[in-house]
Amino acid sequence: ILDDPPTDCGGKCTKGRLFDGALSYAGGGPNSRDNQLFFVHNMADQPIGHELWEVPIGNVTTGMGVINALYGGYGETVDQVQIFQHGN
């Protein structure tokens, strides 16, 4: 999927960072978005949103507690290449 133009998220995105509750495609380079989406949660100190493909397509308006309750122990240890090549 082609990248969307950058946005300031209606004032919610600052310094190349998405806000808690943002929904975005994951990608691995320009115009590389496919079928992986992620919600931003508890990531105030992480540089999420500075890449061209990390443009929010939506956001959580209610129920952020449910998003925050999802298991986050995997962190960034998931092998994206393996998922792409073999599925999950």
C-alpha atoms as a PDB file:
ATOM      1  CA  ILE A   1       0.000   0.000   0.000  1.00  0.00           C
ATOM      2  CA  LEU A   2       1.390   3.409  -0.897  1.00  0.00           C
ATOM      3  CA  ASP A   3       2.337   5.696   1.981  1.00  0.00           C
ATOM      4  CA  ASP A   4      -0.087   8.412   3.046  1.00  0.00           C
ATOM      5  CA  PRO A   5       1.111  12.006   3.234  1.00  0.00           C
ATOM      6  CA  PRO A   6       2.472  13.092   6.634  1.00  0.00           C
ATOM      7  CA  THR A   7       0.011  14.595   9.090  1.00  0.00           C
ATOM      8  CA  ASP A   8       0.144  16.340  12.446  1.00  0.00           C
ATOM      9  CA  CYS A   9      -2.816  14.193  13.563  1.00  0.00           C
ATOM     10  CA  GLY A  10      -4.935  17.225  14.240  1.00  0.00           C
ATOM     11  CA  GLY A  11      -2.260  18.508  16.608  1.00  0.00           C
ATOM     12  CA  LYS A  12      -1.910  15.169  18.456  1.00  0.00           C
ATOM     13  CA  CYS A  13       1.353  14.078  16.752  1.00  0.00           C
ATOM     14  CA  THR A  14       4.420  15.960  17.872  1.00  0.00           C
ATOM     15  CA  LYS A  15       8.100  15.588  17.031  1.00  0.00           C
ATOM     16  CA  GLY A  16       7.519  12.589  14.748  1.00  0.00           C
ATOM     17  CA  ARG A  17       5.702  10.593  17.408  1.00  0.00           C
ATOM     18  CA  LEU A  18       2.265   9.058  17.290  1.00  0.00           C
ATOM     19  CA  PHE A  19      -0.048   9.419  20.262  1.00  0.00           C
ATOM     20  CA  ASP A  20      -1.481   6.722  22.534  1.00  0.00           C
ATOM     21  CA  GLY A  21      -4.533   5.272  20.818  1.00  0.00           C
ATOM     22  CA  ALA A  22      -3.338   5.901  17.259  1.00  0.00           C
ATOM     23  CA  LEU A  23      -3.959   3.122  14.716  1.00  0.00           C
ATOM     24  CA  SER A  24      -1.345   2.792  11.984  1.00  0.00           C
ATOM     25  CA  TYR A  25      -0.058   0.359   9.407  1.00  0.00           C
ATOM     26  CA  ALA A  26       3.253  -1.325  10.117  1.00  0.00           C
ATOM     27  CA  GLY A  27       5.810  -1.303   7.347  1.00  0.00           C
ATOM     28  CA  GLY A  28       9.430  -1.927   6.584  1.00  0.00           C
ATOM     29  CA  GLY A  29      10.261   0.822   4.130  1.00  0.00           C
ATOM     30  CA  PRO A  30       8.660   3.319   1.805  1.00  0.00           C
ATOM     31  CA  ASN A  31       5.365   2.082   0.304  1.00  0.00           C
ATOM     32  CA  SER A  32       5.695  -1.252   2.150  1.00  0.00           C
ATOM     33  CA  ARG A  33       2.460  -1.262   4.160  1.00  0.00           C
ATOM     34  CA  ASP A  34       0.469  -4.447   3.781  1.00  0.00           C
ATOM     35  CA  ASN A  35      -1.828  -6.164   6.273  1.00  0.00           C
ATOM     36  CA  GLN A  36      -0.214  -5.478   9.665  1.00  0.00           C
ATOM     37  CA  LEU A  37      -1.742  -2.794  11.846  1.00  0.00           C
ATOM     38  CA  PHE A  38      -0.790  -1.641  15.316  1.00  0.00           C
ATOM     39  CA  PHE A  39      -2.247   0.479  18.097  1.00  0.00           C
ATOM     40  CA  VAL A  40       0.096   2.791  19.955  1.00  0.00           C
ATOM     41  CA  HIS A  41      -0.114   2.338  23.710  1.00  0.00           C
ATOM     42  CA  ASN A  42       2.185   3.195  26.596  1.00  0.00           C
ATOM     43  CA  MET A  43       4.843   4.335  24.132  1.00  0.00           C
ATOM     44  CA  ALA A  44       5.324   7.979  25.114  1.00  0.00           C
ATOM     45  CA  ASP A  45       9.129   7.657  25.056  1.00  0.00           C
ATOM     46  CA  GLN A  46       9.374   5.633  21.822  1.00  0.00           C
ATOM     47  CA  PRO A  47       9.932   7.203  18.382  1.00  0.00           C
ATOM     48  CA  ILE A  48       6.830   5.649  16.834  1.00  0.00           C
ATOM     49  CA  GLY A  49       5.556   7.677  13.899  1.00  0.00           C
ATOM     50  CA  HIS A  50       8.707   9.111  12.392  1.00  0.00           C
ATOM     51  CA  GLU A  51       8.754   6.809   9.352  1.00  0.00           C
ATOM     52  CA  LEU A  52       6.845   7.622   6.152  1.00  0.00           C
ATOM     53  CA  TRP A  53       4.632   4.540   6.478  1.00  0.00           C
ATOM     54  CA  GLU A  54       3.697   5.227  10.123  1.00  0.00           C
ATOM     55  CA  VAL A  55       0.861   7.622   9.426  1.00  0.00           C
ATOM     56  CA  PRO A  56      -2.227   7.173  11.602  1.00  0.00           C
ATOM     57  CA  ILE A  57      -5.355   5.974   9.841  1.00  0.00           C
ATOM     58  CA  GLY A  58      -7.550   6.150  12.928  1.00  0.00           C
ATOM     59  CA  ASN A  59      -7.551   6.352  16.696  1.00  0.00           C
ATOM     60  CA  VAL A  60      -9.258   4.882  19.732  1.00  0.00           C
ATOM     61  CA  THR A  61     -11.961   7.215  20.998  1.00  0.00           C
ATOM     62  CA  THR A  62     -13.243   5.050  23.877  1.00  0.00           C
ATOM     63  CA  GLY A  63     -11.962   1.873  25.460  1.00  0.00           C
ATOM     64  CA  MET A  64      -8.256   2.667  25.614  1.00  0.00           C
ATOM     65  CA  GLY A  65      -8.160   0.572  28.784  1.00  0.00           C
ATOM     66  CA  VAL A  66      -8.820  -2.504  26.646  1.00  0.00           C
ATOM     67  CA  ILE A  67      -5.862  -1.664  24.377  1.00  0.00           C
ATOM     68  CA  ASN A  68      -3.597  -1.079  27.388  1.00  0.00           C
ATOM     69  CA  ALA A  69      -4.664  -4.433  28.857  1.00  0.00           C
ATOM     70  CA  LEU A  70      -3.384  -6.383  25.825  1.00  0.00           C
ATOM     71  CA  TYR A  71      -0.264  -8.437  26.451  1.00  0.00           C
ATOM     72  CA  GLY A  72       2.772  -6.329  25.626  1.00  0.00           C
ATOM     73  CA  GLY A  73       5.546  -8.693  26.644  1.00  0.00           C
ATOM     74  CA  TYR A  74       6.599  -9.406  23.088  1.00  0.00           C
ATOM     75  CA  GLY A  75       7.895  -5.877  22.620  1.00  0.00           C
ATOM     76  CA  GLU A  76       9.845  -5.545  19.409  1.00  0.00           C
ATOM     77  CA  THR A  77      11.223  -9.099  19.568  1.00  0.00           C
ATOM     78  CA  VAL A  78       8.830 -10.482  16.956  1.00  0.00           C
ATOM     79  CA  ASP A  79      10.681 -11.518  13.786  1.00  0.00           C
ATOM     80  CA  GLN A  80       8.790  -9.599  11.102  1.00  0.00           C
ATOM     81  CA  VAL A  81      10.714 -11.279   8.273  1.00  0.00           C
ATOM     82  CA  GLN A  82       9.715 -14.734   9.531  1.00  0.00           C
ATOM     83  CA  ILE A  83       6.061 -13.688   9.767  1.00  0.00           C
ATOM     84  CA  PHE A  84       6.206 -12.289   6.227  1.00  0.00           C
ATOM     85  CA  GLN A  85       7.812 -15.425   4.817  1.00  0.00           C
ATOM     86  CA  HIS A  86       5.935 -18.087   6.783  1.00  0.00           C
ATOM     87  CA  GLY A  87       2.871 -16.467   8.352  1.00  0.00           C
ATOM     88  CA  ASN A  88       2.133 -16.441  12.036  1.00  0.00           C
END
